[in-house]
PDB file of N, CA and C in Angstrom:
ATOM      1  N   MET A   1    -107.440 118.026 -73.711  1.00  0.00           N
ATOM      2  CA  MET A   1    -108.563 118.888 -73.445  1.00  0.00           C
ATOM      3  C   MET A   1    -108.037 120.269 -73.195  1.00  0.00           C
ATOM      4  N   ARG A   2    -108.586 121.217 -73.921  1.00  0.00           N
ATOM      5  CA  ARG A   2    -108.156 122.590 -73.818  1.00  0.00           C
ATOM      6  C   ARG A   2    -109.212 123.357 -73.115  1.00  0.00           C
ATOM      7  N   LEU A   3    -108.861 123.973 -71.906  1.00  0.00           N
ATOM      8  CA  LEU A   3    -109.914 124.670 -71.167  1.00  0.00           C
ATOM      9  C   LEU A   3    -109.995 126.081 -71.490  1.00  0.00           C
ATOM     10  N   ARG A   4    -108.902 126.731 -71.787  1.00  0.00           N
ATOM     11  CA  ARG A   4    -108.825 128.113 -72.057  1.00  0.00           C
ATOM     12  C   ARG A   4    -107.807 128.409 -73.094  1.00  0.00           C
ATOM     13  N   ALA A   5    -108.033 129.479 -73.847  1.00  0.00           N
ATOM     14  CA  ALA A   5    -106.998 129.845 -74.905  1.00  0.00           C
ATOM     15  C   ALA A   5    -105.923 130.567 -74.138  1.00  0.00           C
ATOM     16  N   ALA A   6    -104.690 130.470 -74.689  1.00  0.00           N
ATOM     17  CA  ALA A   6    -103.586 131.161 -74.068  1.00  0.00           C
ATOM     18  C   ALA A   6    -103.772 132.662 -74.231  1.00  0.00           C
ATOM     19  N   THR A   7    -103.513 133.375 -73.153  1.00  0.00           N
ATOM     20  CA  THR A   7    -103.508 134.722 -73.290  1.00  0.00           C
ATOM     21  C   THR A   7    -102.296 135.482 -72.806  1.00  0.00           C
ATOM     22  N   VAL A   8    -101.988 136.500 -73.331  1.00  0.00           N
ATOM     23  CA  VAL A   8    -100.812 137.232 -73.025  1.00  0.00           C
ATOM     24  C   VAL A   8    -101.177 138.547 -72.282  1.00  0.00           C
ATOM     25  N   ALA A   9    -100.554 138.685 -71.003  1.00  0.00           N
ATOM     26  CA  ALA A   9    -100.915 139.760 -70.211  1.00  0.00           C
ATOM     27  C   ALA A   9    -100.061 141.000 -70.581  1.00  0.00           C
ATOM     28  N   VAL A  10    -100.619 142.085 -70.905  1.00  0.00           N
ATOM     29  CA  VAL A  10     -99.905 143.266 -71.309  1.00  0.00           C
ATOM     30  C   VAL A  10     -99.904 144.306 -70.151  1.00  0.00           C
ATOM     31  N   ALA A  11     -98.774 144.646 -69.661  1.00  0.00           N
ATOM     32  CA  ALA A  11     -98.693 145.590 -68.548  1.00  0.00           C
ATOM     33  C   ALA A  11     -98.479 147.008 -69.118  1.00  0.00           C
ATOM     34  N   SER A  12     -99.128 147.886 -68.409  1.00  0.00           N
ATOM     35  CA  SER A  12     -98.930 149.237 -68.714  1.00  0.00           C
ATOM     36  C   SER A  12     -97.809 149.873 -68.143  1.00  0.00           C
ATOM     37  N   PRO A  13     -97.145 150.737 -68.904  1.00  0.00           N
ATOM     38  CA  PRO A  13     -95.853 151.347 -68.220  1.00  0.00           C
ATOM     39  C   PRO A  13     -96.261 152.232 -67.123  1.00  0.00           C
ATOM     40  N   ILE A  14     -95.370 152.345 -66.081  1.00  0.00           N
ATOM     41  CA  ILE A  14     -95.555 153.194 -64.884  1.00  0.00           C
ATOM     42  C   ILE A  14     -94.827 154.434 -65.105  1.00  0.00           C
ATOM     43  N   MET A  15     -95.509 155.588 -64.906  1.00  0.00           N
ATOM     44  CA  MET A  15     -94.911 156.830 -65.012  1.00  0.00           C
ATOM     45  C   MET A  15     -94.746 157.487 -63.631  1.00  0.00           C
ATOM     46  N   ASP A  16     -93.698 158.293 -63.487  1.00  0.00           N
ATOM     47  CA  ASP A  16     -93.644 159.110 -62.304  1.00  0.00           C
ATOM     48  C   ASP A  16     -94.445 160.338 -62.281  1.00  0.00           C
ATOM     49  N   ALA A  17     -94.348 161.208 -61.305  1.00  0.00           N
ATOM     50  CA  ALA A  17     -95.205 162.434 -61.249  1.00  0.00           C
ATOM     51  C   ALA A  17     -95.007 163.370 -62.397  1.00  0.00           C
ATOM     52  N   ASN A  18     -93.775 163.271 -62.984  1.00  0.00           N
ATOM     53  CA  ASN A  18     -93.390 164.187 -64.100  1.00  0.00           C
ATOM     54  C   ASN A  18     -93.693 163.536 -65.472  1.00  0.00           C
ATOM     55  N   GLY A  19     -94.267 162.375 -65.510  1.00  0.00           N
ATOM     56  CA  GLY A  19     -94.553 161.699 -66.712  1.00  0.00           C
ATOM     57  C   GLY A  19     -93.447 160.848 -67.337  1.00  0.00           C
ATOM     58  N   ALA A  20     -92.366 160.660 -66.636  1.00  0.00           N
ATOM     59  CA  ALA A  20     -91.210 159.889 -67.193  1.00  0.00           C
ATOM     60  C   ALA A  20     -91.429 158.452 -66.834  1.00  0.00           C
ATOM     61  N   LEU A  21     -90.937 157.635 -67.683  1.00  0.00           N
ATOM     62  CA  LEU A  21     -91.034 156.178 -67.550  1.00  0.00           C
ATOM     63  C   LEU A  21     -90.182 155.737 -66.375  1.00  0.00           C
ATOM     64  N   ILE A  22     -90.732 154.965 -65.477  1.00  0.00           N
ATOM     65  CA  ILE A  22     -89.790 154.418 -64.480  1.00  0.00           C
ATOM     66  C   ILE A  22     -89.320 153.091 -64.853  1.00  0.00           C
ATOM     67  N   SER A  23     -87.920 152.985 -64.957  1.00  0.00           N
ATOM     68  CA  SER A  23     -87.281 151.727 -65.518  1.00  0.00           C
ATOM     69  C   SER A  23     -86.321 151.088 -64.750  1.00  0.00           C
ATOM     70  N   ASP A  24     -85.609 151.759 -63.797  1.00  0.00           N
ATOM     71  CA  ASP A  24     -84.614 150.986 -63.007  1.00  0.00           C
ATOM     72  C   ASP A  24     -85.121 150.828 -61.507  1.00  0.00           C
ATOM     73  N   LYS A  25     -84.431 149.880 -60.829  1.00  0.00           N
ATOM     74  CA  LYS A  25     -84.800 149.461 -59.574  1.00  0.00           C
ATOM     75  C   LYS A  25     -84.753 150.567 -58.537  1.00  0.00           C
ATOM     76  N   GLN A  26     -83.722 151.402 -58.587  1.00  0.00           N
ATOM     77  CA  GLN A  26     -83.611 152.489 -57.599  1.00  0.00           C
ATOM     78  C   GLN A  26     -84.654 153.426 -57.864  1.00  0.00           C
ATOM     79  N   ARG A  27     -85.023 153.703 -59.092  1.00  0.00           N
ATOM     80  CA  ARG A  27     -86.124 154.666 -59.392  1.00  0.00           C
ATOM     81  C   ARG A  27     -87.421 154.154 -58.906  1.00  0.00           C
ATOM     82  N   TRP A  28     -87.668 152.762 -59.013  1.00  0.00           N
ATOM     83  CA  TRP A  28     -88.884 152.254 -58.450  1.00  0.00           C
ATOM     84  C   TRP A  28     -88.937 152.419 -56.939  1.00  0.00           C
ATOM     85  N   GLN A  29     -87.901 152.157 -56.276  1.00  0.00           N
ATOM     86  CA  GLN A  29     -87.791 152.267 -54.840  1.00  0.00           C
ATOM     87  C   GLN A  29     -88.134 153.814 -54.491  1.00  0.00           C
ATOM     88  N   GLN A  30     -87.556 154.669 -55.135  1.00  0.00           N
ATOM     89  CA  GLN A  30     -87.754 156.101 -54.893  1.00  0.00           C
ATOM     90  C   GLN A  30     -89.276 156.482 -55.121  1.00  0.00           C
ATOM     91  N   HIS A  31     -89.814 155.994 -56.194  1.00  0.00           N
ATOM     92  CA  HIS A  31     -91.268 156.218 -56.469  1.00  0.00           C
ATOM     93  C   HIS A  31     -92.100 155.786 -55.468  1.00  0.00           C
ATOM     94  N   PHE A  32     -91.961 154.499 -54.970  1.00  0.00           N
ATOM     95  CA  PHE A  32     -92.846 153.992 -53.950  1.00  0.00           C
ATOM     96  C   PHE A  32     -92.586 154.591 -52.648  1.00  0.00           C
ATOM     97  N   ASP A  33     -91.327 154.996 -52.338  1.00  0.00           N
ATOM     98  CA  ASP A  33     -91.187 155.729 -51.076  1.00  0.00           C
ATOM     99  C   ASP A  33     -91.871 157.027 -51.025  1.00  0.00           C
ATOM    100  N   LEU A  34     -91.958 157.745 -52.134  1.00  0.00           N
ATOM    101  CA  LEU A  34     -92.604 158.956 -52.236  1.00  0.00           C
ATOM    102  C   LEU A  34     -94.136 158.696 -52.104  1.00  0.00           C
ATOM    103  N   LEU A  35     -94.570 157.609 -52.798  1.00  0.00           N
ATOM    104  CA  LEU A  35     -96.052 157.332 -52.999  1.00  0.00           C
ATOM    105  C   LEU A  35     -96.569 156.858 -51.589  1.00  0.00           C
ATOM    106  N   LEU A  36     -95.839 155.983 -50.863  1.00  0.00           N
ATOM    107  CA  LEU A  36     -96.388 155.337 -49.587  1.00  0.00           C
ATOM    108  C   LEU A  36     -96.047 156.048 -48.412  1.00  0.00           C
ATOM    109  N   ASN A  37     -95.033 156.856 -48.382  1.00  0.00           N
ATOM    110  CA  ASN A  37     -94.629 157.594 -47.132  1.00  0.00           C
ATOM    111  C   ASN A  37     -94.914 159.097 -47.289  1.00  0.00           C
ATOM    112  N   ARG A  38     -96.188 159.388 -47.268  1.00  0.00           N
ATOM    113  CA  ARG A  38     -96.672 160.778 -47.282  1.00  0.00           C
ATOM    114  C   ARG A  38     -96.808 161.277 -45.886  1.00  0.00           C
ATOM    115  N   PRO A  39     -96.762 162.638 -45.777  1.00  0.00           N
ATOM    116  CA  PRO A  39     -97.052 163.191 -44.345  1.00  0.00           C
ATOM    117  C   PRO A  39     -98.572 162.964 -44.074  1.00  0.00           C
ATOM    118  N   GLN A  40     -98.881 162.965 -42.867  1.00  0.00           N
ATOM    119  CA  GLN A  40    -100.293 162.751 -42.403  1.00  0.00           C
ATOM    120  C   GLN A  40    -101.000 164.031 -42.819  1.00  0.00           C
ATOM    121  N   ALA A  41    -102.246 163.670 -43.321  1.00  0.00           N
ATOM    122  CA  ALA A  41    -103.149 164.754 -43.804  1.00  0.00           C
ATOM    123  C   ALA A  41    -103.853 165.396 -42.556  1.00  0.00           C
ATOM    124  N   VAL A  42    -104.091 166.637 -42.591  1.00  0.00           N
ATOM    125  CA  VAL A  42    -104.853 167.292 -41.478  1.00  0.00           C
ATOM    126  C   VAL A  42    -106.294 167.207 -41.898  1.00  0.00           C
ATOM    127  N   PRO A  43    -107.160 166.664 -40.996  1.00  0.00           N
ATOM    128  CA  PRO A  43    -108.679 166.559 -41.350  1.00  0.00           C
ATOM    129  C   PRO A  43    -109.281 167.968 -41.536  1.00  0.00           C
ATOM    130  N   SER A  44    -110.196 168.043 -42.427  1.00  0.00           N
ATOM    131  CA  SER A  44    -110.929 169.342 -42.587  1.00  0.00           C
ATOM    132  C   SER A  44    -111.748 169.630 -41.382  1.00  0.00           C
ATOM    133  N   VAL A  45    -112.146 170.876 -41.362  1.00  0.00           N
ATOM    134  CA  VAL A  45    -113.058 171.357 -40.282  1.00  0.00           C
ATOM    135  C   VAL A  45    -114.330 170.606 -40.235  1.00  0.00           C
ATOM    136  N   GLU A  46    -114.939 170.299 -41.393  1.00  0.00           N
ATOM    137  CA  GLU A  46    -116.200 169.634 -41.494  1.00  0.00           C
ATOM    138  C   GLU A  46    -116.085 168.227 -40.885  1.00  0.00           C
ATOM    139  N   LEU A  47    -114.931 167.604 -41.205  1.00  0.00           N
ATOM    140  CA  LEU A  47    -114.767 166.244 -40.649  1.00  0.00           C
ATOM    141  C   LEU A  47    -114.508 166.183 -39.136  1.00  0.00           C
ATOM    142  N   GLN A  48    -113.892 167.140 -38.709  1.00  0.00           N
ATOM    143  CA  GLN A  48    -113.615 167.279 -37.192  1.00  0.00           C
ATOM    144  C   GLN A  48    -114.971 167.597 -36.521  1.00  0.00           C
ATOM    145  N   GLN A  49    -115.766 168.461 -37.146  1.00  0.00           N
ATOM    146  CA  GLN A  49    -117.125 168.718 -36.525  1.00  0.00           C
ATOM    147  C   GLN A  49    -118.022 167.486 -36.486  1.00  0.00           C
ATOM    148  N   ALA A  50    -117.955 166.761 -37.573  1.00  0.00           N
ATOM    149  CA  ALA A  50    -118.737 165.573 -37.798  1.00  0.00           C
ATOM    150  C   ALA A  50    -118.366 164.477 -36.728  1.00  0.00           C
ATOM    151  N   ALA A  51    -117.067 164.388 -36.472  1.00  0.00           N
ATOM    152  CA  ALA A  51    -116.521 163.379 -35.585  1.00  0.00           C
ATOM    153  C   ALA A  51    -116.781 163.796 -34.132  1.00  0.00           C
ATOM    154  N   SER A  52    -117.041 165.095 -33.812  1.00  0.00           N
ATOM    155  CA  SER A  52    -117.225 165.485 -32.458  1.00  0.00           C
ATOM    156  C   SER A  52    -118.656 165.201 -32.019  1.00  0.00           C
ATOM    157  N   VAL A  53    -119.626 165.048 -33.042  1.00  0.00           N
ATOM    158  CA  VAL A  53    -121.005 164.776 -32.765  1.00  0.00           C
ATOM    159  C   VAL A  53    -121.399 163.356 -33.056  1.00  0.00           C
ATOM    160  N   ALA A  54    -120.498 162.570 -33.520  1.00  0.00           N
ATOM    161  CA  ALA A  54    -120.795 161.226 -33.968  1.00  0.00           C
ATOM    162  C   ALA A  54    -121.246 160.430 -32.744  1.00  0.00           C
ATOM    163  N   VAL A  55    -122.115 159.555 -32.931  1.00  0.00           N
ATOM    164  CA  VAL A  55    -122.585 158.621 -31.872  1.00  0.00           C
ATOM    165  C   VAL A  55    -122.135 157.126 -32.111  1.00  0.00           C
ATOM    166  N   GLU A  56    -121.558 156.567 -31.072  1.00  0.00           N
ATOM    167  CA  GLU A  56    -121.025 155.206 -31.186  1.00  0.00           C
ATOM    168  C   GLU A  56    -122.070 154.275 -31.599  1.00  0.00           C
ATOM    169  N   ASP A  57    -121.838 153.373 -32.503  1.00  0.00           N
ATOM    170  CA  ASP A  57    -122.759 152.326 -32.956  1.00  0.00           C
ATOM    171  C   ASP A  57    -122.329 151.070 -32.077  1.00  0.00           C
ATOM    172  N   THR A  58    -123.209 150.794 -31.120  1.00  0.00           N
ATOM    173  CA  THR A  58    -122.885 149.538 -30.230  1.00  0.00           C
ATOM    174  C   THR A  58    -123.078 148.268 -30.913  1.00  0.00           C
ATOM    175  N   ASP A  59    -123.622 148.284 -32.099  1.00  0.00           N
ATOM    176  CA  ASP A  59    -123.808 146.937 -32.859  1.00  0.00           C
ATOM    177  C   ASP A  59    -122.472 146.527 -33.519  1.00  0.00           C
ATOM    178  N   ILE A  60    -121.512 147.426 -33.690  1.00  0.00           N
ATOM    179  CA  ILE A  60    -120.337 147.213 -34.286  1.00  0.00           C
ATOM    180  C   ILE A  60    -119.262 146.851 -33.242  1.00  0.00           C
ATOM    181  N   SER A  61    -118.625 145.738 -33.350  1.00  0.00           N
ATOM    182  CA  SER A  61    -117.590 145.289 -32.412  1.00  0.00           C
ATOM    183  C   SER A  61    -116.196 145.848 -32.798  1.00  0.00           C
ATOM    184  N   CYS A  62    -115.547 146.353 -31.868  1.00  0.00           N
ATOM    185  CA  CYS A  62    -114.232 146.948 -32.155  1.00  0.00           C
ATOM    186  C   CYS A  62    -113.116 145.982 -31.496  1.00  0.00           C
ATOM    187  N   GLU A  63    -113.509 144.800 -31.013  1.00  0.00           N
ATOM    188  CA  GLU A  63    -112.671 143.776 -30.490  1.00  0.00           C
ATOM    189  C   GLU A  63    -111.872 143.088 -31.598  1.00  0.00           C
ATOM    190  N   ALA A  64    -110.663 142.539 -31.225  1.00  0.00           N
ATOM    191  CA  ALA A  64    -109.842 141.869 -32.148  1.00  0.00           C
ATOM    192  C   ALA A  64    -110.674 140.605 -32.728  1.00  0.00           C
ATOM    193  N   PRO A  65    -110.482 140.292 -33.945  1.00  0.00           N
ATOM    194  CA  PRO A  65    -111.106 139.153 -34.543  1.00  0.00           C
ATOM    195  C   PRO A  65    -110.822 137.879 -33.866  1.00  0.00           C
ATOM    196  N   THR A  66    -111.667 136.975 -33.858  1.00  0.00           N
ATOM    197  CA  THR A  66    -111.407 135.632 -33.263  1.00  0.00           C
ATOM    198  C   THR A  66    -110.891 134.709 -34.390  1.00  0.00           C
ATOM    199  N   GLY A  67    -110.629 133.448 -33.953  1.00  0.00           N
ATOM    200  CA  GLY A  67    -110.106 132.458 -35.002  1.00  0.00           C
ATOM    201  C   GLY A  67    -111.003 131.980 -36.088  1.00  0.00           C
ATOM    202  N   ALA A  68    -112.349 132.429 -35.930  1.00  0.00           N
ATOM    203  CA  ALA A  68    -113.250 132.027 -36.927  1.00  0.00           C
ATOM    204  C   ALA A  68    -113.095 132.828 -38.188  1.00  0.00           C
ATOM    205  N   VAL A  69    -113.073 132.175 -39.311  1.00  0.00           N
ATOM    206  CA  VAL A  69    -112.831 132.786 -40.605  1.00  0.00           C
ATOM    207  C   VAL A  69    -113.990 132.328 -41.407  1.00  0.00           C
ATOM    208  N   HIS A  70    -114.591 133.299 -42.166  1.00  0.00           N
ATOM    209  CA  HIS A  70    -115.660 132.985 -43.191  1.00  0.00           C
ATOM    210  C   HIS A  70    -115.066 133.197 -44.515  1.00  0.00           C
ATOM    211  N   LYS A  71    -115.227 132.134 -45.350  1.00  0.00           N
ATOM    212  CA  LYS A  71    -114.622 132.260 -46.647  1.00  0.00           C
ATOM    213  C   LYS A  71    -115.725 132.853 -47.640  1.00  0.00           C
ATOM    214  N   VAL A  72    -115.291 133.424 -48.779  1.00  0.00           N
ATOM    215  CA  VAL A  72    -116.192 134.045 -49.686  1.00  0.00           C
ATOM    216  C   VAL A  72    -116.089 133.319 -50.951  1.00  0.00           C
ATOM    217  N   ARG A  73    -117.196 132.980 -51.579  1.00  0.00           N
ATOM    218  CA  ARG A  73    -117.115 132.401 -52.927  1.00  0.00           C
ATOM    219  C   ARG A  73    -117.843 133.167 -53.949  1.00  0.00           C
ATOM    220  N   HIS A  74    -117.399 133.125 -55.106  1.00  0.00           N
ATOM    221  CA  HIS A  74    -118.019 133.941 -56.270  1.00  0.00           C
ATOM    222  C   HIS A  74    -119.029 133.100 -57.007  1.00  0.00           C
ATOM    223  N   THR A  75    -120.135 133.770 -57.394  1.00  0.00           N
ATOM    224  CA  THR A  75    -121.213 132.980 -58.155  1.00  0.00           C
ATOM    225  C   THR A  75    -120.868 133.005 -59.644  1.00  0.00           C
ATOM    226  N   ARG A  76    -121.462 132.113 -60.307  1.00  0.00           N
ATOM    227  CA  ARG A  76    -121.215 132.002 -61.732  1.00  0.00           C
ATOM    228  C   ARG A  76    -121.956 133.149 -62.472  1.00  0.00           C
ATOM    229  N   GLY A  77    -123.013 133.547 -61.984  1.00  0.00           N
ATOM    230  CA  GLY A  77    -123.875 134.527 -62.708  1.00  0.00           C
ATOM    231  C   GLY A  77    -123.378 136.001 -62.645  1.00  0.00           C
ATOM    232  N   GLY A  78    -122.134 136.180 -62.056  1.00  0.00           N
ATOM    233  CA  GLY A  78    -121.560 137.454 -61.980  1.00  0.00           C
ATOM    234  C   GLY A  78    -122.241 138.321 -60.891  1.00  0.00           C
ATOM    235  N   GLY A  79    -122.938 137.691 -59.975  1.00  0.00           N
ATOM    236  CA  GLY A  79    -123.632 138.359 -58.894  1.00  0.00           C
ATOM    237  C   GLY A  79    -122.707 138.866 -57.808  1.00  0.00           C
ATOM    238  N   GLY A  80    -121.369 138.624 -57.905  1.00  0.00           N
ATOM    239  CA  GLY A  80    -120.464 139.010 -56.885  1.00  0.00           C
ATOM    240  C   GLY A  80    -120.298 138.059 -55.827  1.00  0.00           C
ATOM    241  N   PRO A  81    -119.494 138.313 -54.789  1.00  0.00           N
ATOM    242  CA  PRO A  81    -119.196 137.335 -53.736  1.00  0.00           C
ATOM    243  C   PRO A  81    -120.388 137.257 -52.800  1.00  0.00           C
ATOM    244  N   ARG A  82    -120.525 135.992 -52.273  1.00  0.00           N
ATOM    245  CA  ARG A  82    -121.596 135.755 -51.270  1.00  0.00           C
ATOM    246  C   ARG A  82    -120.955 135.030 -50.122  1.00  0.00           C
ATOM    247  N   ARG A  83    -121.444 135.253 -48.897  1.00  0.00           N
ATOM    248  CA  ARG A  83    -120.954 134.552 -47.790  1.00  0.00           C
ATOM    249  C   ARG A  83    -121.426 133.089 -47.794  1.00  0.00           C
ATOM    250  N   CYS A  84    -120.424 132.224 -47.600  1.00  0.00           N
ATOM    251  CA  CYS A  84    -120.818 130.742 -47.619  1.00  0.00           C
ATOM    252  C   CYS A  84    -120.911 130.318 -46.118  1.00  0.00           C
ATOM    253  N   ASP A  85    -122.134 130.193 -45.665  1.00  0.00           N
ATOM    254  CA  ASP A  85    -122.384 129.806 -44.312  1.00  0.00           C
ATOM    255  C   ASP A  85    -122.156 128.294 -43.976  1.00  0.00           C
ATOM    256  N   SER A  86    -122.027 127.534 -45.016  1.00  0.00           N
ATOM    257  CA  SER A  86    -121.830 126.065 -44.824  1.00  0.00           C
ATOM    258  C   SER A  86    -120.443 125.726 -44.490  1.00  0.00           C
ATOM    259  N   LEU A  87    -119.447 126.624 -44.474  1.00  0.00           N
ATOM    260  CA  LEU A  87    -118.019 126.195 -44.183  1.00  0.00           C
ATOM    261  C   LEU A  87    -117.868 126.172 -42.711  1.00  0.00           C
TER     262      LEU A  87
END
């Protein structure tokens, strides 16, 4: 019984900031170091002003999560994930 036709995944080449193909391990490490270790951005004046007048929403808990975990299942109709309360 054949469930699905065999497919071949085609990966797109990864280019650096200058448009050169990244091909060796050392260059990959350098690329991701630059990509992930950026200096902290300074918030804009508008963002700082909005934060200064923000009102805390007491309905949102900022406590650490408990051991309860809710799983998500996907629907067949493509409606996206739904919370499954029966778990």
